[in-house]
């Protein structure tokens, strides 16, 4: 079988699996009246908050709209197409969110600061459904999520303030600011991905007994977990006897970085949080997925 055909089959399988997971999450909520009421209640709280603060002080944007915030047939249809493509790519390779939606909305004429906010709201809506399912599976560590959330609130506040200052100075400068950040971050990640691929390719040429026993990412996680900075938070008790522990201060610091990136770029989730939890904090992938989705809510 040719390589392109194999790749096509893998992408098809990934799309089917992702679609089944999304369907199960949705039906898990819709079939339970109590869960549906909880979902509607949470959504109502945020809608009421948005209405109340729509004309609040300038720290929240004031009365100046970030155009084009109006409805038009073009924006409506293009948004559907962007959502479809983003969902397709997410199902195939697991990438999505601000990595695709924010730049795509900017490309069709939506202001960067509005694209970021729109994407964050769509991430929040998906996180509500995902957190219910992962909570049922036991993949959510509430203490880790709270510590991470404390830092992310500070980072999100700073990022929102920077966005507001840049936009108030010049809306065009705001779009340029976002574009430059995306170019730098994605360029850095691309360089890291290529270098990591080349490094691992060389390792396969080395005999197994001569390979380093512990990857650099695991060494970093072990070093951070060995720091005795209170408060210590335990996790992965069901995978490791006694569980692992890491300082809540370190988790809050990571949350600050993610919160800052979220309000600047509309990203988070698998783009930044997942590799940070797994490679920097040393948290298992199962706990990472559930806890990350829960802390978004």
C-alpha atoms as a PDB file:
ATOM      1  CA  UNK A   1       0.000   0.000   0.000  1.00  0.00           C
ATOM      2  CA  UNK A   2       1.331   3.433  -0.948  1.00  0.00           C
ATOM      3  CA  UNK A   3       2.211   5.996   1.710  1.00  0.00           C
ATOM      4  CA  UNK A   4      -0.418   8.575   0.577  1.00  0.00           C
ATOM      5  CA  UNK A   5      -3.124   5.912   0.833  1.00  0.00           C
ATOM      6  CA  UNK A   6      -1.993   4.941   4.335  1.00  0.00           C
ATOM      7  CA  UNK A   7      -2.036   8.576   5.407  1.00  0.00           C
ATOM      8  CA  UNK A   8      -5.519   8.959   3.972  1.00  0.00           C
ATOM      9  CA  UNK A   9      -6.769   5.915   5.900  1.00  0.00           C
ATOM     10  CA  UNK A  10      -5.267   7.192   9.160  1.00  0.00           C
ATOM     11  CA  UNK A  11      -6.920  10.584   8.671  1.00  0.00           C
ATOM     12  CA  UNK A  12     -10.244   8.915   7.927  1.00  0.00           C
ATOM     13  CA  UNK A  13     -10.036   6.766  11.067  1.00  0.00           C
ATOM     14  CA  UNK A  14      -9.101   9.810  13.157  1.00  0.00           C
ATOM     15  CA  UNK A  15     -12.061  11.763  11.782  1.00  0.00           C
ATOM     16  CA  UNK A  16     -14.482   8.931  12.605  1.00  0.00           C
ATOM     17  CA  UNK A  17     -13.134   8.541  16.137  1.00  0.00           C
ATOM     18  CA  UNK A  18     -13.333  12.299  16.786  1.00  0.00           C
ATOM     19  CA  UNK A  19     -16.883  12.450  15.418  1.00  0.00           C
ATOM     20  CA  UNK A  20     -17.975   9.548  17.649  1.00  0.00           C
ATOM     21  CA  UNK A  21     -16.420  11.229  20.685  1.00  0.00           C
ATOM     22  CA  UNK A  22     -18.204  14.528  19.969  1.00  0.00           C
ATOM     23  CA  UNK A  23     -21.491  12.673  19.488  1.00  0.00           C
ATOM     24  CA  UNK A  24     -21.098  10.730  22.746  1.00  0.00           C
ATOM     25  CA  UNK A  25     -20.295  13.913  24.677  1.00  0.00           C
ATOM     26  CA  UNK A  26     -23.341  15.710  23.276  1.00  0.00           C
ATOM     27  CA  UNK A  27     -25.745  12.817  23.826  1.00  0.00           C
ATOM     28  CA  UNK A  28     -24.382  12.252  27.332  1.00  0.00           C
ATOM     29  CA  UNK A  29     -25.671  15.724  28.218  1.00  0.00           C
ATOM     30  CA  UNK A  30     -28.827  15.876  26.109  1.00  0.00           C
ATOM     31  CA  UNK A  31     -30.166  12.546  27.416  1.00  0.00           C
ATOM     32  CA  UNK A  32     -29.890  13.686  31.033  1.00  0.00           C
ATOM     33  CA  UNK A  33     -32.330  16.451  31.925  1.00  0.00           C
ATOM     34  CA  UNK A  34     -30.369  17.508  35.009  1.00  0.00           C
ATOM     35  CA  UNK A  35     -27.142  17.889  33.035  1.00  0.00           C
ATOM     36  CA  UNK A  36     -28.944  19.825  30.335  1.00  0.00           C
ATOM     37  CA  UNK A  37     -30.391  22.186  32.942  1.00  0.00           C
ATOM     38  CA  UNK A  38     -26.932  22.664  34.458  1.00  0.00           C
ATOM     39  CA  UNK A  39     -25.532  23.440  31.002  1.00  0.00           C
ATOM     40  CA  UNK A  40     -28.284  25.976  30.310  1.00  0.00           C
ATOM     41  CA  UNK A  41     -27.814  27.499  33.762  1.00  0.00           C
ATOM     42  CA  UNK A  42     -24.091  28.012  33.233  1.00  0.00           C
ATOM     43  CA  UNK A  43     -24.709  29.503  29.794  1.00  0.00           C
ATOM     44  CA  UNK A  44     -27.403  31.817  31.200  1.00  0.00           C
ATOM     45  CA  UNK A  45     -25.045  33.149  33.871  1.00  0.00           C
ATOM     46  CA  UNK A  46     -22.431  34.102  31.296  1.00  0.00           C
ATOM     47  CA  UNK A  47     -25.016  35.626  28.937  1.00  0.00           C
ATOM     48  CA  UNK A  48     -26.418  37.773  31.756  1.00  0.00           C
ATOM     49  CA  UNK A  49     -22.899  38.801  32.754  1.00  0.00           C
ATOM     50  CA  UNK A  50     -22.113  39.796  29.153  1.00  0.00           C
ATOM     51  CA  UNK A  51     -25.296  41.887  28.898  1.00  0.00           C
ATOM     52  CA  UNK A  52     -24.642  43.650  32.215  1.00  0.00           C
ATOM     53  CA  UNK A  53     -21.032  44.479  31.367  1.00  0.00           C
ATOM     54  CA  UNK A  54     -21.709  45.477  27.756  1.00  0.00           C
ATOM     55  CA  UNK A  55     -21.716  49.141  28.735  1.00  0.00           C
ATOM     56  CA  UNK A  56     -19.314  48.887  31.646  1.00  0.00           C
ATOM     57  CA  UNK A  57     -16.107  50.851  32.130  1.00  0.00           C
ATOM     58  CA  UNK A  58     -13.361  51.089  29.543  1.00  0.00           C
ATOM     59  CA  UNK A  59     -11.442  48.225  31.151  1.00  0.00           C
ATOM     60  CA  UNK A  60     -14.002  45.897  29.536  1.00  0.00           C
ATOM     61  CA  UNK A  61     -13.997  47.705  26.209  1.00  0.00           C
ATOM     62  CA  UNK A  62     -16.529  50.402  27.021  1.00  0.00           C
ATOM     63  CA  UNK A  63     -19.168  51.344  24.467  1.00  0.00           C
ATOM     64  CA  UNK A  64     -16.839  51.083  21.471  1.00  0.00           C
ATOM     65  CA  UNK A  65     -17.592  48.030  19.351  1.00  0.00           C
ATOM     66  CA  UNK A  66     -14.783  46.042  17.824  1.00  0.00           C
ATOM     67  CA  UNK A  67     -16.127  46.104  14.250  1.00  0.00           C
ATOM     68  CA  UNK A  68     -17.236  44.236  12.296  1.00  0.00           C
ATOM     69  CA  UNK A  69     -19.438  42.967  15.150  1.00  0.00           C
ATOM     70  CA  UNK A  70     -22.538  43.275  12.984  1.00  0.00           C
ATOM     71  CA  UNK A  71     -24.271  40.505  11.054  1.00  0.00           C
ATOM     72  CA  UNK A  72     -23.719  40.074   7.342  1.00  0.00           C
ATOM     73  CA  UNK A  73     -24.440  37.174   5.035  1.00  0.00           C
ATOM     74  CA  UNK A  74     -20.803  36.981   3.975  1.00  0.00           C
ATOM     75  CA  UNK A  75     -19.439  36.780   7.526  1.00  0.00           C
ATOM     76  CA  UNK A  76     -22.146  34.274   8.487  1.00  0.00           C
ATOM     77  CA  UNK A  77     -21.432  31.900   5.589  1.00  0.00           C
ATOM     78  CA  UNK A  78     -17.668  32.230   5.856  1.00  0.00           C
ATOM     79  CA  UNK A  79     -17.837  31.565   9.611  1.00  0.00           C
ATOM     80  CA  UNK A  80     -19.723  28.328   8.934  1.00  0.00           C
ATOM     81  CA  UNK A  81     -17.076  27.307   6.395  1.00  0.00           C
ATOM     82  CA  UNK A  82     -14.268  28.140   8.834  1.00  0.00           C
ATOM     83  CA  UNK A  83     -15.962  26.162  11.599  1.00  0.00           C
ATOM     84  CA  UNK A  84     -16.409  23.194   9.269  1.00  0.00           C
ATOM     85  CA  UNK A  85     -12.766  23.237   8.163  1.00  0.00           C
ATOM     86  CA  UNK A  86     -11.532  23.717  11.728  1.00  0.00           C
ATOM     87  CA  UNK A  87     -13.651  20.795  12.919  1.00  0.00           C
ATOM     88  CA  UNK A  88     -12.384  18.624  10.079  1.00  0.00           C
ATOM     89  CA  UNK A  89      -8.759  19.440  10.855  1.00  0.00           C
ATOM     90  CA  UNK A  90      -9.364  18.909  14.573  1.00  0.00           C
ATOM     91  CA  UNK A  91     -10.803  15.489  13.858  1.00  0.00           C
ATOM     92  CA  UNK A  92      -7.878  14.548  11.627  1.00  0.00           C
ATOM     93  CA  UNK A  93      -4.830  15.782  13.537  1.00  0.00           C
ATOM     94  CA  UNK A  94      -6.177  17.072  16.855  1.00  0.00           C
ATOM     95  CA  UNK A  95      -5.297  20.711  16.140  1.00  0.00           C
ATOM     96  CA  UNK A  96      -7.874  23.450  16.250  1.00  0.00           C
ATOM     97  CA  UNK A  97      -9.069  26.372  18.328  1.00  0.00           C
ATOM     98  CA  UNK A  98      -7.122  29.585  17.971  1.00  0.00           C
ATOM     99  CA  UNK A  99      -4.494  27.768  15.923  1.00  0.00           C
ATOM    100  CA  UNK A 100      -6.944  27.812  12.996  1.00  0.00           C
ATOM    101  CA  UNK A 101     -10.067  29.826  13.763  1.00  0.00           C
ATOM    102  CA  UNK A 102      -8.550  33.130  14.891  1.00  0.00           C
ATOM    103  CA  UNK A 103      -6.194  33.580  11.884  1.00  0.00           C
ATOM    104  CA  UNK A 104      -8.945  32.399   9.521  1.00  0.00           C
ATOM    105  CA  UNK A 105     -11.452  34.937  10.846  1.00  0.00           C
ATOM    106  CA  UNK A 106      -8.826  37.671  10.567  1.00  0.00           C
ATOM    107  CA  UNK A 107      -8.145  36.630   6.978  1.00  0.00           C
ATOM    108  CA  UNK A 108     -11.780  37.245   5.987  1.00  0.00           C
ATOM    109  CA  UNK A 109     -11.892  40.713   7.526  1.00  0.00           C
ATOM    110  CA  UNK A 110     -12.853  40.206  11.173  1.00  0.00           C
ATOM    111  CA  UNK A 111     -10.813  42.368  13.526  1.00  0.00           C
ATOM    112  CA  UNK A 112      -8.207  40.391  15.426  1.00  0.00           C
ATOM    113  CA  UNK A 113      -9.468  41.400  18.864  1.00  0.00           C
ATOM    114  CA  UNK A 114     -13.007  40.264  17.922  1.00  0.00           C
ATOM    115  CA  UNK A 115     -11.730  37.018  16.395  1.00  0.00           C
ATOM    116  CA  UNK A 116      -9.912  36.189  19.638  1.00  0.00           C
ATOM    117  CA  UNK A 117     -13.031  36.759  21.738  1.00  0.00           C
ATOM    118  CA  UNK A 118     -15.236  34.784  19.355  1.00  0.00           C
ATOM    119  CA  UNK A 119     -12.857  31.840  19.400  1.00  0.00           C
ATOM    120  CA  UNK A 120     -12.591  31.872  23.199  1.00  0.00           C
ATOM    121  CA  UNK A 121     -16.393  31.708  23.464  1.00  0.00           C
ATOM    122  CA  UNK A 122     -16.564  28.738  21.086  1.00  0.00           C
ATOM    123  CA  UNK A 123     -13.855  26.968  23.109  1.00  0.00           C
ATOM    124  CA  UNK A 124     -15.848  27.605  26.295  1.00  0.00           C
ATOM    125  CA  UNK A 125     -19.007  26.114  24.771  1.00  0.00           C
ATOM    126  CA  UNK A 126     -17.203  22.906  23.794  1.00  0.00           C
ATOM    127  CA  UNK A 127     -15.454  22.684  27.169  1.00  0.00           C
ATOM    128  CA  UNK A 128     -18.765  22.528  29.052  1.00  0.00           C
ATOM    129  CA  UNK A 129     -19.719  19.319  27.268  1.00  0.00           C
ATOM    130  CA  UNK A 130     -16.249  17.803  27.432  1.00  0.00           C
ATOM    131  CA  UNK A 131     -15.797  18.420  31.163  1.00  0.00           C
ATOM    132  CA  UNK A 132     -18.989  16.492  31.972  1.00  0.00           C
ATOM    133  CA  UNK A 133     -17.797  13.376  30.152  1.00  0.00           C
ATOM    134  CA  UNK A 134     -14.233  13.499  31.478  1.00  0.00           C
ATOM    135  CA  UNK A 135     -15.502  14.115  35.004  1.00  0.00           C
ATOM    136  CA  UNK A 136     -17.562  10.944  34.699  1.00  0.00           C
ATOM    137  CA  UNK A 137     -14.459   9.054  33.534  1.00  0.00           C
ATOM    138  CA  UNK A 138     -12.412  10.360  36.469  1.00  0.00           C
ATOM    139  CA  UNK A 139      -9.969  12.310  34.297  1.00  0.00           C
ATOM    140  CA  UNK A 140     -10.403  15.622  36.136  1.00  0.00           C
ATOM    141  CA  UNK A 141      -8.110  16.759  38.969  1.00  0.00           C
ATOM    142  CA  UNK A 142      -9.919  19.692  40.562  1.00  0.00           C
ATOM    143  CA  UNK A 143      -6.937  20.850  42.670  1.00  0.00           C
ATOM    144  CA  UNK A 144      -4.648  21.022  39.640  1.00  0.00           C
ATOM    145  CA  UNK A 145      -7.339  22.890  37.698  1.00  0.00           C
ATOM    146  CA  UNK A 146      -7.865  25.449  40.496  1.00  0.00           C
ATOM    147  CA  UNK A 147      -4.136  26.141  40.907  1.00  0.00           C
ATOM    148  CA  UNK A 148      -3.740  26.504  37.150  1.00  0.00           C
ATOM    149  CA  UNK A 149      -6.819  28.725  36.984  1.00  0.00           C
ATOM    150  CA  UNK A 150      -5.470  31.131  39.626  1.00  0.00           C
ATOM    151  CA  UNK A 151      -2.490  31.927  37.425  1.00  0.00           C
ATOM    152  CA  UNK A 152      -4.482  31.981  34.196  1.00  0.00           C
ATOM    153  CA  UNK A 153      -6.817  34.680  35.562  1.00  0.00           C
ATOM    154  CA  UNK A 154      -3.848  36.990  36.097  1.00  0.00           C
ATOM    155  CA  UNK A 155      -2.428  36.210  32.667  1.00  0.00           C
ATOM    156  CA  UNK A 156      -5.797  36.688  30.967  1.00  0.00           C
ATOM    157  CA  UNK A 157      -6.271  40.043  32.702  1.00  0.00           C
ATOM    158  CA  UNK A 158      -2.862  41.265  31.558  1.00  0.00           C
ATOM    159  CA  UNK A 159      -3.402  39.971  28.023  1.00  0.00           C
ATOM    160  CA  UNK A 160      -6.803  41.632  27.765  1.00  0.00           C
ATOM    161  CA  UNK A 161      -5.351  44.918  28.980  1.00  0.00           C
ATOM    162  CA  UNK A 162      -2.547  44.757  26.397  1.00  0.00           C
ATOM    163  CA  UNK A 163      -5.071  44.003  23.651  1.00  0.00           C
ATOM    164  CA  UNK A 164      -7.189  46.980  24.683  1.00  0.00           C
ATOM    165  CA  UNK A 165      -4.226  49.366  24.839  1.00  0.00           C
ATOM    166  CA  UNK A 166      -2.922  48.345  21.408  1.00  0.00           C
ATOM    167  CA  UNK A 167      -6.389  48.495  19.812  1.00  0.00           C
ATOM    168  CA  UNK A 168      -7.118  51.901  21.342  1.00  0.00           C
ATOM    169  CA  UNK A 169      -3.899  53.231  19.853  1.00  0.00           C
ATOM    170  CA  UNK A 170      -4.537  51.879  16.354  1.00  0.00           C
ATOM    171  CA  UNK A 171      -6.888  49.057  15.221  1.00  0.00           C
ATOM    172  CA  UNK A 172      -4.547  48.239  12.342  1.00  0.00           C
ATOM    173  CA  UNK A 173      -1.661  47.985  14.784  1.00  0.00           C
ATOM    174  CA  UNK A 174      -3.755  45.529  16.815  1.00  0.00           C
ATOM    175  CA  UNK A 175      -4.123  43.191  13.830  1.00  0.00           C
ATOM    176  CA  UNK A 176      -0.424  43.530  13.035  1.00  0.00           C
ATOM    177  CA  UNK A 177       0.388  42.798  16.679  1.00  0.00           C
ATOM    178  CA  UNK A 178      -1.628  39.557  16.576  1.00  0.00           C
ATOM    179  CA  UNK A 179      -0.147  38.534  13.223  1.00  0.00           C
ATOM    180  CA  UNK A 180       3.411  39.031  14.486  1.00  0.00           C
ATOM    181  CA  UNK A 181       2.717  37.003  17.634  1.00  0.00           C
ATOM    182  CA  UNK A 182       1.242  34.168  15.567  1.00  0.00           C
ATOM    183  CA  UNK A 183       4.193  34.206  13.182  1.00  0.00           C
ATOM    184  CA  UNK A 184       6.694  34.048  16.052  1.00  0.00           C
ATOM    185  CA  UNK A 185       4.894  31.364  18.069  1.00  0.00           C
ATOM    186  CA  UNK A 186       4.038  29.112  15.123  1.00  0.00           C
ATOM    187  CA  UNK A 187       7.521  29.584  13.687  1.00  0.00           C
ATOM    188  CA  UNK A 188       9.050  28.575  17.011  1.00  0.00           C
ATOM    189  CA  UNK A 189       6.811  25.520  17.316  1.00  0.00           C
ATOM    190  CA  UNK A 190       7.568  24.513  13.727  1.00  0.00           C
ATOM    191  CA  UNK A 191      11.291  24.770  14.380  1.00  0.00           C
ATOM    192  CA  UNK A 192      10.915  22.726  17.562  1.00  0.00           C
ATOM    193  CA  UNK A 193       8.849  20.089  15.777  1.00  0.00           C
ATOM    194  CA  UNK A 194      11.360  19.694  12.940  1.00  0.00           C
ATOM    195  CA  UNK A 195      14.354  19.609  15.297  1.00  0.00           C
ATOM    196  CA  UNK A 196      12.592  17.081  17.550  1.00  0.00           C
ATOM    197  CA  UNK A 197      11.829  14.900  14.519  1.00  0.00           C
ATOM    198  CA  UNK A 198      15.443  15.006  13.346  1.00  0.00           C
ATOM    199  CA  UNK A 199      16.681  14.256  16.863  1.00  0.00           C
ATOM    200  CA  UNK A 200      14.421  11.224  17.244  1.00  0.00           C
ATOM    201  CA  UNK A 201      15.337  10.078  13.760  1.00  0.00           C
ATOM    202  CA  UNK A 202      18.973   9.975  14.830  1.00  0.00           C
ATOM    203  CA  UNK A 203      18.074   8.096  18.020  1.00  0.00           C
ATOM    204  CA  UNK A 204      16.549   5.251  16.014  1.00  0.00           C
ATOM    205  CA  UNK A 205      19.947   4.698  14.397  1.00  0.00           C
ATOM    206  CA  UNK A 206      21.514   4.235  17.838  1.00  0.00           C
ATOM    207  CA  UNK A 207      21.317   0.758  19.450  1.00  0.00           C
ATOM    208  CA  UNK A 208      18.629   0.509  22.147  1.00  0.00           C
ATOM    209  CA  UNK A 209      21.151  -0.153  24.918  1.00  0.00           C
ATOM    210  CA  UNK A 210      23.070   3.005  23.964  1.00  0.00           C
ATOM    211  CA  UNK A 211      20.049   5.335  23.984  1.00  0.00           C
ATOM    212  CA  UNK A 212      19.533   7.756  26.896  1.00  0.00           C
ATOM    213  CA  UNK A 213      17.145   6.147  29.431  1.00  0.00           C
ATOM    214  CA  UNK A 214      15.124   9.296  30.165  1.00  0.00           C
ATOM    215  CA  UNK A 215      14.002  11.885  27.586  1.00  0.00           C
ATOM    216  CA  UNK A 216      14.794  15.542  28.262  1.00  0.00           C
ATOM    217  CA  UNK A 217      11.102  16.346  28.694  1.00  0.00           C
ATOM    218  CA  UNK A 218      10.733  13.752  31.462  1.00  0.00           C
ATOM    219  CA  UNK A 219      13.859  15.049  33.199  1.00  0.00           C
ATOM    220  CA  UNK A 220      12.372  18.553  33.259  1.00  0.00           C
ATOM    221  CA  UNK A 221       9.121  17.259  34.756  1.00  0.00           C
ATOM    222  CA  UNK A 222      10.993  15.236  37.387  1.00  0.00           C
ATOM    223  CA  UNK A 223      13.048  18.279  38.335  1.00  0.00           C
ATOM    224  CA  UNK A 224       9.962  20.462  38.789  1.00  0.00           C
ATOM    225  CA  UNK A 225       8.199  17.754  40.795  1.00  0.00           C
ATOM    226  CA  UNK A 226      11.202  17.478  43.124  1.00  0.00           C
ATOM    227  CA  UNK A 227      10.980  21.158  44.136  1.00  0.00           C
ATOM    228  CA  UNK A 228       9.524  21.488  47.646  1.00  0.00           C
ATOM    229  CA  UNK A 229       7.514  24.672  47.206  1.00  0.00           C
ATOM    230  CA  UNK A 230       4.214  24.673  49.115  1.00  0.00           C
ATOM    231  CA  UNK A 231       1.433  24.006  48.503  1.00  0.00           C
ATOM    232  CA  UNK A 232       2.072  20.560  47.001  1.00  0.00           C
ATOM    233  CA  UNK A 233      -0.718  19.129  44.849  1.00  0.00           C
ATOM    234  CA  UNK A 234      -0.988  15.405  44.164  1.00  0.00           C
ATOM    235  CA  UNK A 235      -2.199  13.860  40.923  1.00  0.00           C
ATOM    236  CA  UNK A 236      -2.251  10.576  38.995  1.00  0.00           C
ATOM    237  CA  UNK A 237      -2.851   8.547  42.175  1.00  0.00           C
ATOM    238  CA  UNK A 238      -4.578   5.846  40.126  1.00  0.00           C
ATOM    239  CA  UNK A 239      -1.546   5.401  37.858  1.00  0.00           C
ATOM    240  CA  UNK A 240       1.400   5.712  40.249  1.00  0.00           C
ATOM    241  CA  UNK A 241       1.395   4.271  43.809  1.00  0.00           C
ATOM    242  CA  UNK A 242       1.024   7.280  46.100  1.00  0.00           C
ATOM    243  CA  UNK A 243       0.657   9.541  43.072  1.00  0.00           C
ATOM    244  CA  UNK A 244       2.917  12.349  41.917  1.00  0.00           C
ATOM    245  CA  UNK A 245       3.092  15.848  43.338  1.00  0.00           C
ATOM    246  CA  UNK A 246       4.020  19.290  42.102  1.00  0.00           C
ATOM    247  CA  UNK A 247       3.923  22.768  43.584  1.00  0.00           C
ATOM    248  CA  UNK A 248       0.758  24.789  43.102  1.00  0.00           C
ATOM    249  CA  UNK A 249       2.976  27.825  42.494  1.00  0.00           C
ATOM    250  CA  UNK A 250       4.485  26.132  39.431  1.00  0.00           C
ATOM    251  CA  UNK A 251       1.014  25.251  38.154  1.00  0.00           C
ATOM    252  CA  UNK A 252      -0.117  28.853  38.683  1.00  0.00           C
ATOM    253  CA  UNK A 253       2.927  30.096  36.767  1.00  0.00           C
ATOM    254  CA  UNK A 254       2.038  27.863  33.848  1.00  0.00           C
ATOM    255  CA  UNK A 255      -1.547  29.086  34.054  1.00  0.00           C
ATOM    256  CA  UNK A 256      -0.345  32.683  33.845  1.00  0.00           C
ATOM    257  CA  UNK A 257       1.494  31.941  30.592  1.00  0.00           C
ATOM    258  CA  UNK A 258      -1.513  30.146  29.093  1.00  0.00           C
ATOM    259  CA  UNK A 259      -3.937  32.862  30.235  1.00  0.00           C
ATOM    260  CA  UNK A 260      -1.766  35.526  28.640  1.00  0.00           C
ATOM    261  CA  UNK A 261      -1.546  33.574  25.387  1.00  0.00           C
ATOM    262  CA  UNK A 262      -5.286  32.880  25.407  1.00  0.00           C
ATOM    263  CA  UNK A 263      -6.332  36.527  25.494  1.00  0.00           C
ATOM    264  CA  UNK A 264      -3.610  37.589  23.075  1.00  0.00           C
ATOM    265  CA  UNK A 265      -4.186  34.870  20.499  1.00  0.00           C
ATOM    266  CA  UNK A 266      -7.352  32.989  21.449  1.00  0.00           C
ATOM    267  CA  UNK A 267      -5.411  29.768  22.000  1.00  0.00           C
ATOM    268  CA  UNK A 268      -4.844  27.399  24.864  1.00  0.00           C
ATOM    269  CA  UNK A 269      -6.010  23.775  24.997  1.00  0.00           C
ATOM    270  CA  UNK A 270      -3.974  21.383  22.877  1.00  0.00           C
ATOM    271  CA  UNK A 271      -1.915  24.222  21.421  1.00  0.00           C
ATOM    272  CA  UNK A 272      -0.150  25.204  24.667  1.00  0.00           C
ATOM    273  CA  UNK A 273      -1.756  23.616  27.721  1.00  0.00           C
ATOM    274  CA  UNK A 274      -1.491  19.987  26.606  1.00  0.00           C
ATOM    275  CA  UNK A 275       2.281  19.960  25.950  1.00  0.00           C
ATOM    276  CA  UNK A 276       2.836  22.033  29.106  1.00  0.00           C
ATOM    277  CA  UNK A 277       0.914  19.585  31.298  1.00  0.00           C
ATOM    278  CA  UNK A 278       2.530  16.489  29.787  1.00  0.00           C
ATOM    279  CA  UNK A 279       6.129  17.564  29.118  1.00  0.00           C
ATOM    280  CA  UNK A 280       6.683  20.298  31.709  1.00  0.00           C
ATOM    281  CA  UNK A 281       4.512  19.188  34.633  1.00  0.00           C
ATOM    282  CA  UNK A 282       4.680  15.434  33.943  1.00  0.00           C
ATOM    283  CA  UNK A 283       0.910  14.887  34.184  1.00  0.00           C
ATOM    284  CA  UNK A 284      -0.562  11.871  32.389  1.00  0.00           C
ATOM    285  CA  UNK A 285      -2.372  12.462  29.114  1.00  0.00           C
ATOM    286  CA  UNK A 286      -5.719  11.238  30.500  1.00  0.00           C
ATOM    287  CA  UNK A 287      -5.633  13.638  33.453  1.00  0.00           C
ATOM    288  CA  UNK A 288      -4.318  16.399  31.199  1.00  0.00           C
ATOM    289  CA  UNK A 289      -7.212  16.241  28.745  1.00  0.00           C
ATOM    290  CA  UNK A 290      -9.939  16.168  31.396  1.00  0.00           C
ATOM    291  CA  UNK A 291      -8.366  18.781  33.678  1.00  0.00           C
ATOM    292  CA  UNK A 292      -7.589  21.138  30.805  1.00  0.00           C
ATOM    293  CA  UNK A 293     -11.176  21.048  29.552  1.00  0.00           C
ATOM    294  CA  UNK A 294     -12.529  21.504  33.096  1.00  0.00           C
ATOM    295  CA  UNK A 295     -10.381  24.559  33.875  1.00  0.00           C
ATOM    296  CA  UNK A 296     -11.564  26.254  30.671  1.00  0.00           C
ATOM    297  CA  UNK A 297     -15.108  26.233  32.077  1.00  0.00           C
END
